[in-house]
Structures are given as structure tokens and as C-alpha cells.
């Protein structure tokens, strides 16, 4: 009996309800008499049909997939500077883009996790960027580019592909990028949209550049001439509809004028609280005088984060994989208009019912502050904090 079979038998004995099926990446080692509960396939999207034909009696799982790479707010590659474009076009030799891995868009026979009902699911490498493995770049990069979300918790453009195609059947998604700031007048710009509407139309400063039908799981793309103002996509519930159902707009930003601090994924029922156990996230954005996020920094903007008595700054981040500042620094440079701060209530000085005040500032900009109510229920296991 193989060691692997002994391990599987032990799992089945302990968990006789089979709530935890045993799987592993097998790829070239898959055989018709495999003893796995689930047949694992890492990447190799184009082999799904072959694996199913080889082992028809067992379900398949994509034990690791995609490994597409991108950086938030970047729209060209400069590997030497540690930059990877945010368009979903880049993947290492073993991987695939998100729409290919899951949707089979450019894969032989349209094989993708979502197009094969015998593939039970998949694990995207990875959910978040993380320190190390800066593929396909090297120093000065200090973190990966694989994440669906960047290391500070901000959504990349690629995140909206997942947000579009992992909705309930009746729900619609609509998104357009890149940012409409920092381009040269007259420059040709590649505009992408992610949507599950049947038809989408792109407008540049109110002028239509054409309607396109949506291919399931694929992006839409236009090449347009940049002119300051706005881009907008409109989604149509049916092909040929006269009236749009939904729209999404991106505006050109002016010069940085002020900061805005808001709670993001906070704790408690109100979603804006802090506790001595849970961590609240405070999103800091650089805005122009009209309240539009400024996504391009012509010069560094260093944001200072302060908390009142009763609060603790757990960490800060900006999602820039070439930023070498420590993640516990109270000052962080803005990256494409944003900085994140993680806040907890201090175990010794916080008073339930009070609040932690988070104040953000930067030279030459109007600052902002936000109050995080301190909530009760601060229990870890059986030990009150």
C-alpha cells in the first residue's frame, strides 16, 4: 500500500461522513484507477476534457489555476521597474489569464473551469498579492503580482472580471477601464470593459464609439483617441435595445486637493467599528477639488495616519510592490490615489462605547478624519480581552 493511500484511508476513517474529500495536484500522474476522491489538476486548462475521458467516474478540481499577473493602476509593462500592466493579458508560461483559466476564452475547445460542469471548482493563485515571488519581475519588486486584489486590499481592474462573472444569474455587472487621467491629448488608448450584459456601448465625452456584443467570460475592447473628460459604458439588457439599463463612468481628475478617509469592510453590524479583537480598514484617497480620485501621482504624496487615545495602527499599505517602507509605518506614499490603514482598539485604553478617531494628513492637501465606534463582544476563545 502506498503512503498516499495510507493517508487517504486515515482521512476516511476519521471523517467517515466524507465532508473533506482528498485531492492533490496530479497532472501527468493521473491514471484511470486513481485513489483520489477528487482528481486535482494544476493549471493545464487545455487538458480538462482528456482527464475526464481518462477518469470518467470522478469529479475534477482545478487545484491551482490562473496565476495571471497585474498591478493596480498600471497600463503598460516595465518589468525592469517592477511594473506589470493591469490589463488581463499577462501570465507566466504555466498559467493563464483570468478569462482563459476560468472562461476558456482563448483555450483549445473553450476549456475552462466555468465551461466544464465536471470541474467542481478552482483555486486561483492567488487571492491577494503577497511578499515574495515577484514573477515576472525581480528587484526592486518585493511582492507578487498574482493577486486578484493587491497587497493593501484594493481591487485591481482584473478583480472586476471576477465580480462580473461570479454574480447570481439575474445580477448584472458593468465596468470600464483604464483611468482617464495622465494620458497625452490625441494618444490612442486601449479601453476595456467587463460586463455580463448582452450588449455594451462605449462613449468618449458623450460620443458613441460603437456597441459590441458580449462573448461569455470575455472582455470587450476598443481603441480610442484620448481627450480629457470622461469615458462611459452603457449596458443593454437585450441586443438591439434602444434604452440602456445601466452605465459606468470614469472621469479625468484634476490636481490633488484633499484627502478622504472612509471605513472599508469595517467590523460590527454597522461596518464602521473598531474592536480590540477585529481589525477595521480605513481607506485614504487623494481627491481633486471636485471629489474625483486622482489616480496618477506627478510627485510623491506622503500620507500621515494618526489615531486618538484608545486606537492602535496595526499596519499601512498602498499596494505598490516596489514600495520598501515597513508595513507598520504611520506614513506611506500614495499609490494611484490610495493608501490603506488597519486600525484596532487598544486593549488597555479603549473604552466600549467610545470611538477611535483616525486622522489623515499630507503636505499641501486638506486632511480628513473618521471616527470608528468601539464595540463590545471582545472575546477570543474563552478568554475575555
Protein backbone atom coordinates (compact mmCIF):
# COMPACT_ATOMS: atom_id res chain seq x y z
CA UNK A 1 0.00 0.00 0.00
CA UNK A 2 1.40 3.40 -0.94
CA UNK A 3 1.97 6.08 1.65
CA UNK A 4 -0.57 8.25 -0.18
CA UNK A 5 -3.21 5.52 0.11
CA UNK A 6 -2.49 5.17 3.83
CA UNK A 7 -3.01 8.93 4.30
CA UNK A 8 -6.30 8.85 2.39
CA UNK A 9 -7.53 5.83 4.36
CA UNK A 10 -6.73 7.68 7.59
CA UNK A 11 -8.77 10.68 6.45
CA UNK A 12 -11.71 8.48 5.50
CA UNK A 13 -11.58 6.68 8.84
CA UNK A 14 -11.52 9.87 10.87
CA UNK A 15 -14.05 11.67 8.67
CA UNK A 16 -16.48 8.91 7.78
CA UNK A 17 -19.05 11.46 6.55
CA UNK A 18 -16.62 12.29 3.72
CA UNK A 19 -17.01 16.01 4.36
CA UNK A 20 -13.37 16.51 3.43
CA UNK A 21 -12.63 14.77 0.13
CA UNK A 22 -8.96 14.16 -0.54
CA UNK A 23 -7.37 15.68 -3.60
CA UNK A 24 -3.95 16.60 -4.91
CA UNK A 25 -2.37 18.05 -8.00
CA UNK A 26 -1.80 15.02 -10.22
CA UNK A 27 -1.50 16.36 -13.78
CA UNK A 28 0.74 13.87 -15.66
CA UNK A 29 0.39 11.22 -12.95
CA UNK A 30 -3.38 10.86 -13.28
CA UNK A 31 -4.43 7.29 -14.01
CA UNK A 32 -7.79 5.63 -14.56
CA UNK A 33 -7.53 3.83 -11.21
CA UNK A 34 -6.54 6.89 -9.16
CA UNK A 35 -7.32 6.55 -5.45
CA UNK A 36 -8.09 10.26 -5.01
CA UNK A 37 -11.64 11.39 -4.19
CA UNK A 38 -11.18 14.40 -6.42
CA UNK A 39 -8.81 14.49 -9.37
CA UNK A 40 -6.61 17.55 -8.99
CA UNK A 41 -5.28 19.48 -11.97
CA UNK A 42 -2.88 22.41 -11.59
CA UNK A 43 -3.20 24.87 -14.48
CA UNK A 44 -3.15 22.79 -17.75
CA UNK A 45 -6.63 24.08 -18.59
CA UNK A 46 -6.45 22.58 -22.06
CA UNK A 47 -6.32 19.04 -20.57
CA UNK A 48 -9.69 19.02 -18.75
CA UNK A 49 -11.50 17.01 -21.42
CA UNK A 50 -8.67 14.49 -21.69
CA UNK A 51 -8.56 14.00 -17.91
CA UNK A 52 -12.33 13.49 -17.80
CA UNK A 53 -12.16 10.92 -20.60
CA UNK A 54 -9.36 9.12 -18.75
CA UNK A 55 -11.15 9.13 -15.37
CA UNK A 56 -14.89 9.47 -16.12
CA UNK A 57 -16.07 8.23 -12.72
CA UNK A 58 -14.58 11.01 -10.60
CA UNK A 59 -15.04 14.79 -10.44
CA UNK A 60 -12.14 17.11 -11.20
CA UNK A 61 -10.99 20.16 -9.32
CA UNK A 62 -8.60 22.85 -10.50
CA UNK A 63 -6.29 22.55 -7.51
CA UNK A 64 -4.40 25.69 -8.62
CA UNK A 65 -5.14 27.91 -11.60
CA UNK A 66 -4.63 31.21 -13.44
CA UNK A 67 -1.53 32.89 -11.94
CA UNK A 68 -2.34 35.87 -14.14
CA UNK A 69 -0.31 38.93 -13.13
CA UNK A 70 -1.16 42.63 -12.97
CA UNK A 71 -0.64 45.80 -10.94
CA UNK A 72 -3.38 48.21 -9.92
CA UNK A 73 -3.40 51.39 -11.98
CA UNK A 74 -0.59 50.44 -14.37
CA UNK A 75 -1.34 50.22 -18.10
CA UNK A 76 1.97 49.18 -19.66
CA UNK A 77 4.71 46.69 -18.81
CA UNK A 78 8.08 47.74 -17.41
CA UNK A 79 9.49 44.60 -15.84
CA UNK A 80 12.78 46.32 -15.02
CA UNK A 81 10.90 48.82 -12.87
CA UNK A 82 8.74 46.07 -11.36
CA UNK A 83 5.57 47.07 -13.24
CA UNK A 84 3.02 44.77 -14.87
CA UNK A 85 0.06 46.09 -16.84
CA UNK A 86 -3.42 45.93 -15.29
CA UNK A 87 -5.00 44.60 -18.49
CA UNK A 88 -5.71 40.89 -18.10
CA UNK A 89 -3.13 39.92 -20.72
CA UNK A 90 -0.14 38.70 -18.71
CA UNK A 91 0.52 35.24 -17.28
CA UNK A 92 3.63 33.08 -16.74
CA UNK A 93 4.34 30.12 -19.02
CA UNK A 94 2.49 27.67 -16.77
CA UNK A 95 -0.53 29.92 -16.17
CA UNK A 96 -3.38 31.69 -17.94
CA UNK A 97 -5.25 34.95 -17.77
CA UNK A 98 -8.36 35.01 -15.58
CA UNK A 99 -10.77 34.85 -18.52
CA UNK A 100 -8.82 31.99 -20.09
CA UNK A 101 -8.41 29.89 -16.92
CA UNK A 102 -12.00 30.24 -15.81
CA UNK A 103 -13.81 31.01 -19.04
CA UNK A 104 -11.72 29.12 -21.56
CA UNK A 105 -11.81 32.18 -23.83
CA UNK A 106 -8.55 31.52 -25.70
CA UNK A 107 -8.13 27.87 -24.71
CA UNK A 108 -8.41 24.83 -27.01
CA UNK A 109 -12.08 23.77 -27.29
CA UNK A 110 -13.08 26.61 -24.91
CA UNK A 111 -11.96 24.52 -21.93
CA UNK A 112 -12.25 26.50 -18.70
CA UNK A 113 -13.44 25.85 -15.17
CA UNK A 114 -16.77 27.57 -15.78
CA UNK A 115 -17.37 25.88 -19.13
CA UNK A 116 -16.96 22.31 -17.84
CA UNK A 117 -19.58 21.16 -15.31
CA UNK A 118 -17.43 18.19 -14.33
CA UNK A 119 -14.77 20.59 -12.96
CA UNK A 120 -16.06 21.17 -9.45
CA UNK A 121 -14.26 24.46 -8.86
CA UNK A 122 -10.84 26.02 -8.69
CA UNK A 123 -8.29 27.81 -6.55
CA UNK A 124 -6.90 30.96 -8.16
CA UNK A 125 -3.26 31.60 -7.41
CA UNK A 126 -3.74 33.99 -5.68
CA UNK A 127 -6.48 35.95 -3.96
CA UNK A 128 -4.10 38.65 -2.70
CA UNK A 129 -0.64 39.84 -3.65
CA UNK A 130 1.93 38.68 -1.09
CA UNK A 131 5.58 39.25 -0.19
CA UNK A 132 7.98 37.30 -2.39
CA UNK A 133 7.71 35.60 -5.79
CA UNK A 134 7.56 38.81 -7.86
CA UNK A 135 7.12 36.89 -11.13
CA UNK A 136 7.66 38.09 -13.88
CA UNK A 137 9.74 40.91 -12.38
CA UNK A 138 12.63 40.98 -9.92
CA UNK A 139 14.21 43.52 -7.57
CA UNK A 140 13.08 46.21 -6.79
CA UNK A 141 9.81 44.22 -6.65
CA UNK A 142 9.31 42.68 -3.21
CA UNK A 143 5.90 41.10 -3.67
CA UNK A 144 3.96 39.07 -6.18
CA UNK A 145 1.69 40.37 -8.95
CA UNK A 146 -0.58 37.28 -8.90
CA UNK A 147 -3.30 38.64 -6.62
CA UNK A 148 -6.87 39.26 -7.66
CA UNK A 149 -6.60 42.02 -5.02
CA UNK A 150 -3.44 43.99 -4.26
CA UNK A 151 -1.47 43.68 -1.02
CA UNK A 152 -3.26 46.66 0.54
CA UNK A 153 -6.71 45.18 -0.08
CA UNK A 154 -7.64 47.38 -3.05
CA UNK A 155 -9.34 45.94 -6.11
CA UNK A 156 -7.31 45.74 -9.29
CA UNK A 157 -9.06 46.15 -12.64
CA UNK A 158 -8.84 42.36 -13.03
CA UNK A 159 -10.91 41.96 -9.86
CA UNK A 160 -13.92 43.24 -11.79
CA UNK A 161 -13.73 40.29 -14.16
CA UNK A 162 -14.42 38.02 -11.19
CA UNK A 163 -17.03 40.43 -9.85
CA UNK A 164 -18.82 40.32 -13.20
CA UNK A 165 -18.92 36.58 -13.80
CA UNK A 166 -19.42 35.31 -10.25
CA UNK A 167 -22.75 37.01 -9.73
CA UNK A 168 -26.15 35.39 -9.42
CA UNK A 169 -27.68 34.64 -12.79
CA UNK A 170 -30.12 37.54 -12.52
CA UNK A 171 -27.47 40.11 -11.49
CA UNK A 172 -25.57 42.30 -13.92
CA UNK A 173 -22.05 43.73 -13.81
CA UNK A 174 -20.55 46.64 -15.75
CA UNK A 175 -17.07 48.15 -15.53
CA UNK A 176 -14.71 50.14 -17.74
CA UNK A 177 -11.01 50.98 -17.51
CA UNK A 178 -8.28 52.34 -17.65
CA UNK A 179 -8.30 55.52 -15.60
CA UNK A 180 -8.93 58.56 -17.79
CA UNK A 181 -6.14 60.68 -16.33
CA UNK A 182 -2.49 61.13 -17.28
CA UNK A 183 -2.68 60.37 -21.00
CA UNK A 184 -1.50 62.73 -23.76
CA UNK A 185 -4.14 64.51 -25.84
CA UNK A 186 -4.60 62.58 -29.08
CA UNK A 187 -2.93 59.43 -27.73
CA UNK A 188 -4.53 56.12 -28.68
CA UNK A 189 -5.79 54.37 -25.54
CA UNK A 190 -6.87 50.78 -25.13
CA UNK A 191 -10.24 50.72 -23.33
CA UNK A 192 -11.59 47.52 -21.81
CA UNK A 193 -14.95 46.68 -20.31
CA UNK A 194 -16.01 43.72 -18.21
CA UNK A 195 -19.74 43.07 -18.35
CA UNK A 196 -22.33 40.30 -18.45
CA UNK A 197 -24.86 42.46 -20.26
CA UNK A 198 -25.60 41.07 -23.73
CA UNK A 199 -24.50 44.33 -25.36
CA UNK A 200 -22.32 47.23 -24.23
CA UNK A 201 -21.68 50.65 -25.77
CA UNK A 202 -18.67 52.89 -25.11
CA UNK A 203 -18.87 56.68 -25.08
CA UNK A 204 -15.97 59.15 -25.04
CA UNK A 205 -17.12 62.58 -23.90
CA UNK A 206 -20.67 61.69 -24.86
CA UNK A 207 -19.84 60.41 -28.33
CA UNK A 208 -20.52 56.74 -29.06
CA UNK A 209 -17.60 54.68 -30.30
CA UNK A 210 -19.82 51.71 -31.04
CA UNK A 211 -21.84 48.91 -29.46
CA UNK A 212 -20.44 45.41 -29.07
CA UNK A 213 -21.99 42.07 -28.19
CA UNK A 214 -20.53 40.38 -25.13
CA UNK A 215 -18.90 36.99 -25.53
CA UNK A 216 -19.45 34.99 -22.34
CA UNK A 217 -16.48 35.34 -19.94
CA UNK A 218 -14.56 37.62 -22.34
CA UNK A 219 -13.73 41.33 -22.13
CA UNK A 220 -14.78 43.97 -24.64
CA UNK A 221 -12.12 46.22 -26.16
CA UNK A 222 -11.98 49.49 -28.08
CA UNK A 223 -9.02 51.59 -29.22
CA UNK A 224 -9.95 55.26 -28.88
CA UNK A 225 -8.28 58.66 -29.03
CA UNK A 226 -7.75 60.29 -25.65
CA UNK A 227 -9.44 63.60 -24.92
CA UNK A 228 -9.79 64.96 -21.39
CA UNK A 229 -13.24 64.47 -19.93
CA UNK A 230 -14.81 61.05 -19.40
CA UNK A 231 -15.39 57.57 -20.72
CA UNK A 232 -18.66 55.77 -20.09
CA UNK A 233 -20.04 52.34 -20.86
CA UNK A 234 -23.74 51.56 -21.06
CA UNK A 235 -25.19 48.09 -20.71
CA UNK A 236 -28.24 46.87 -22.65
CA UNK A 237 -30.43 44.12 -21.27
CA UNK A 238 -31.15 42.82 -24.77
CA UNK A 239 -29.27 43.14 -28.04
CA UNK A 240 -30.73 46.00 -30.04
CA UNK A 241 -32.46 47.72 -27.09
CA UNK A 242 -32.76 51.48 -27.56
CA UNK A 243 -32.55 52.38 -23.88
CA UNK A 244 -29.60 51.33 -21.74
CA UNK A 245 -30.23 49.59 -18.42
CA UNK A 246 -27.06 50.65 -16.62
CA UNK A 247 -23.94 52.79 -17.00
CA UNK A 248 -20.44 53.13 -15.54
CA UNK A 249 -18.33 56.27 -15.91
CA UNK A 250 -14.66 57.22 -15.36
CA UNK A 251 -13.72 60.91 -15.16
CA UNK A 252 -10.49 62.81 -15.77
CA UNK A 253 -9.12 64.01 -12.42
CA UNK A 254 -7.66 67.43 -11.72
CA UNK A 255 -4.83 68.33 -9.38
CA UNK A 256 -4.72 66.80 -5.86
CA UNK A 257 -6.64 68.98 -3.40
CA UNK A 258 -7.74 66.93 -0.39
CA UNK A 259 -7.82 63.57 1.34
CA UNK A 260 -10.86 61.44 2.08
CA UNK A 261 -10.92 58.80 4.83
CA UNK A 262 -13.67 56.17 4.79
CA UNK A 263 -14.25 52.85 6.51
CA UNK A 264 -13.78 49.85 4.22
CA UNK A 265 -15.00 46.43 5.33
CA UNK A 266 -15.25 47.58 8.94
CA UNK A 267 -16.31 45.36 11.82
CA UNK A 268 -19.60 45.24 13.70
CA UNK A 269 -23.12 45.36 12.26
CA UNK A 270 -22.59 48.95 11.14
CA UNK A 271 -19.42 48.00 9.27
CA UNK A 272 -17.53 51.02 10.61
CA UNK A 273 -16.46 49.91 14.08
CA UNK A 274 -13.19 49.02 15.76
CA UNK A 275 -12.59 46.46 18.47
CA UNK A 276 -9.71 45.03 20.45
CA UNK A 277 -10.04 41.81 18.50
CA UNK A 278 -11.07 42.70 14.95
CA UNK A 279 -9.24 44.99 12.55
CA UNK A 280 -11.01 47.88 10.81
CA UNK A 281 -9.72 49.12 7.45
CA UNK A 282 -9.59 52.83 6.71
CA UNK A 283 -9.27 53.73 3.03
CA UNK A 284 -7.49 57.01 2.31
CA UNK A 285 -7.97 58.58 -1.12
CA UNK A 286 -6.49 61.64 -2.81
CA UNK A 287 -9.22 63.76 -4.42
CA UNK A 288 -9.30 66.75 -6.72
CA UNK A 289 -11.44 69.77 -5.85
CA UNK A 290 -14.50 68.06 -7.40
CA UNK A 291 -14.12 64.88 -5.35
CA UNK A 292 -12.68 62.72 -8.15
CA UNK A 293 -9.94 60.29 -7.08
CA UNK A 294 -6.58 61.35 -8.54
CA UNK A 295 -5.08 58.10 -9.91
CA UNK A 296 -1.78 59.49 -11.22
CA UNK A 297 0.86 60.99 -8.93
CA UNK A 298 3.01 63.58 -10.70
CA UNK A 299 5.03 63.86 -7.46
CA UNK A 300 5.06 61.71 -4.30
CA UNK A 301 2.24 62.28 -1.81
CA UNK A 302 3.08 61.04 1.68
CA UNK A 303 0.05 60.38 3.87
CA UNK A 304 0.40 60.52 7.66
CA UNK A 305 -2.03 58.42 9.74
CA UNK A 306 -2.74 59.31 13.39
CA UNK A 307 -5.14 57.71 15.87
CA UNK A 308 -6.58 59.06 19.11
CA UNK A 309 -6.09 57.51 22.53
CA UNK A 310 -7.68 54.07 22.50
CA UNK A 311 -6.54 53.24 18.98
CA UNK A 312 -3.65 51.30 17.51
CA UNK A 313 -2.34 51.39 13.95
CA UNK A 314 -1.77 47.75 13.07
CA UNK A 315 -0.34 48.48 9.63
CA UNK A 316 -0.49 50.55 6.48
CA UNK A 317 -0.13 49.75 2.80
CA UNK A 318 -0.58 51.06 -0.70
CA UNK A 319 -0.40 48.00 -2.97
CA UNK A 320 2.82 49.14 -4.65
CA UNK A 321 5.07 46.10 -4.93
CA UNK A 322 8.23 48.23 -5.24
CA UNK A 323 7.48 50.25 -2.08
CA UNK A 324 10.05 49.25 0.56
CA UNK A 325 8.60 51.18 3.51
CA UNK A 326 7.78 48.95 6.51
CA UNK A 327 4.18 47.84 6.71
CA UNK A 328 3.86 49.28 10.22
CA UNK A 329 4.87 52.80 9.14
CA UNK A 330 2.49 55.63 10.02
CA UNK A 331 3.48 57.42 6.83
CA UNK A 332 3.01 55.86 3.40
CA UNK A 333 3.34 57.18 -0.11
CA UNK A 334 0.13 57.18 -2.14
CA UNK A 335 -0.06 54.65 -4.97
CA UNK A 336 -2.53 55.51 -7.72
CA UNK A 337 -4.54 57.68 -5.38
CA UNK A 338 -4.89 55.36 -2.40
CA UNK A 339 -3.44 54.23 0.92
CA UNK A 340 -4.92 51.74 3.41
CA UNK A 341 -4.61 51.76 7.20
CA UNK A 342 -5.56 48.90 9.54
CA UNK A 343 -6.85 50.02 12.94
CA UNK A 344 -7.62 48.21 16.19
CA UNK A 345 -8.88 49.42 19.53
CA UNK A 346 -6.16 49.32 22.20
CA UNK A 347 -6.71 46.51 24.72
CA UNK A 348 -5.61 48.65 27.65
CA UNK A 349 -7.03 52.11 26.93
CA UNK A 350 -10.08 51.57 24.69
CA UNK A 351 -13.50 52.10 26.25
CA UNK A 352 -16.50 50.32 24.79
CA UNK A 353 -18.98 52.94 23.63
CA UNK A 354 -16.25 55.41 22.77
CA UNK A 355 -14.54 55.77 19.42
CA UNK A 356 -11.15 55.72 17.80
CA UNK A 357 -10.57 58.84 15.73
CA UNK A 358 -8.36 58.31 12.69
CA UNK A 359 -6.91 61.49 11.22
CA UNK A 360 -5.05 61.62 7.89
CA UNK A 361 -2.92 64.43 6.53
CA UNK A 362 -0.48 65.25 3.73
CA UNK A 363 1.54 68.37 2.95
CA UNK A 364 -0.39 70.81 0.79
CA UNK A 365 -3.68 68.90 0.94
CA UNK A 366 -6.79 69.31 3.04
CA UNK A 367 -6.86 66.49 5.59
CA UNK A 368 -9.72 64.37 6.85
CA UNK A 369 -10.72 62.25 9.83
CA UNK A 370 -13.15 59.47 10.66
CA UNK A 371 -14.49 58.09 13.94
CA UNK A 372 -14.65 54.32 14.48
CA UNK A 373 -17.03 53.30 17.29
CA UNK A 374 -15.53 50.84 19.76
CA UNK A 375 -17.80 47.81 20.09
CA UNK A 376 -18.32 45.12 22.73
CA UNK A 377 -18.14 41.35 22.43
CA UNK A 378 -14.38 41.28 22.66
CA UNK A 379 -13.83 37.59 23.32
CA UNK A 380 -11.12 35.35 21.92
CA UNK A 381 -11.92 31.72 22.60
CA UNK A 382 -12.85 31.50 26.29
CA UNK A 383 -10.64 34.39 27.31
CA UNK A 384 -12.06 37.88 27.65
CA UNK A 385 -9.65 40.56 26.45
